[in-house]
Amino acid sequence: MLLKDVEEKYLPVDIPWAKVFTVELTGLKRPVYSFENFSVIKKMYSEKSRIKKIIKDFSPDFGFLTGGYISAPVGLNLRDLKVPFFLHEQNSIIGFTNRRLSKYAQKVFVSFQETVLSEKFLLTGNPVRLPKNSIGREYLCTMGIKDTGKRTVLVFGGSLSSEKIDELMLKVYPLDTQTNFIHVTRQPDLFEQFKNVFTREYIPDIYNLLAICDGVICRAGATSIAEIKYFGLKALLVPWRGAAEDHQFRNALSLEKLGLADIIAEDEKDISKITGIIQRMPNKGSSFVWNVHEDTSAKKIIDNIEQLI
């Protein structure tokens, strides 16, 4: 398993039996024809030979790649070594790397109907992490919340939080004192003045909260979209417009079509619009209990791999 950044820290804890290797790569600059990408591509080919040795020593039956720049040298090496591999595209527009590797893949699993480009592509959805057992609203007490019957909204900006969302919510909180907010931020001191805002710098088991919260305010990354759909949450999405191919905005539009989300810009000036959206989020109430049910996305992927290998 080749990892980078947050995964390098947390995946060994979640999957302790996995062998972990780190790679020294960066993504392509946009636009892709930028002169700076010569050094990026040169580094990729340098790492490619090291990755090839890792794959040969491990001798896998197949590969499973999820796109991004790290997948490029892995996929090319799997092709050269005649090892079958599968791709998974989480976003509503197929990424640069997955698009180019798709011609060599056995199958491309996708999360949105918009990315079913040929018979090789299969709509499976994006697997999400789930609570192991049924979980009730009393779990909110672990965040410091006393009144579990109040509307509770989870606010986060990805695994590393978002300063832009922090700035936006600093304007929202004074106008909404009737909602509990759980806010993931690297700047918890900013929110100490608000008694209904409960901060954490990182929540590794955030899925426990997603199961019982009433709504979310977040970016529109692929995993967040999948979690919102799976848990049936109402969402206020703040897409990061700097994402490659503007995929976060496209993800958000897809969720908006399903009636599960409203979309705002990170520099939204009409704060009353935001508070209005929050106050329309249905309240599950203190007696709500989330019960375990299957994530069919993971099963579809596994079943298809087993049929082809």
Foldseek 3Di string as FASTA:
>chain_A
DEDDDPCVPPVCVVVVVDDYDYADADFADPPNPDPVCVVRVVRLVVVLVVLLVVCVVVVDQEEEEEDDPVVQSVLVSCLVVVRAYEYEYLFLERDPRCVVSVVRHQAYEYADPNPCPDPRYDDQHDDADADPFKAFLVVCVVLVDDFSFFQEEEEAEPQQGDVLSVVLVLVQQVVDLRYAYEYAHPCVVSCPVRPRYRYDVGDPPCNSVLLYHLAYEYEQDRRVLRSCVVSVHAYEYAHDCVPVVSRRVVSQVVCVVVVRYDYDHSPDPPSVVVVVSSVPRDGPGRGDMGGDDDSRSVVVVVVVVVVVD
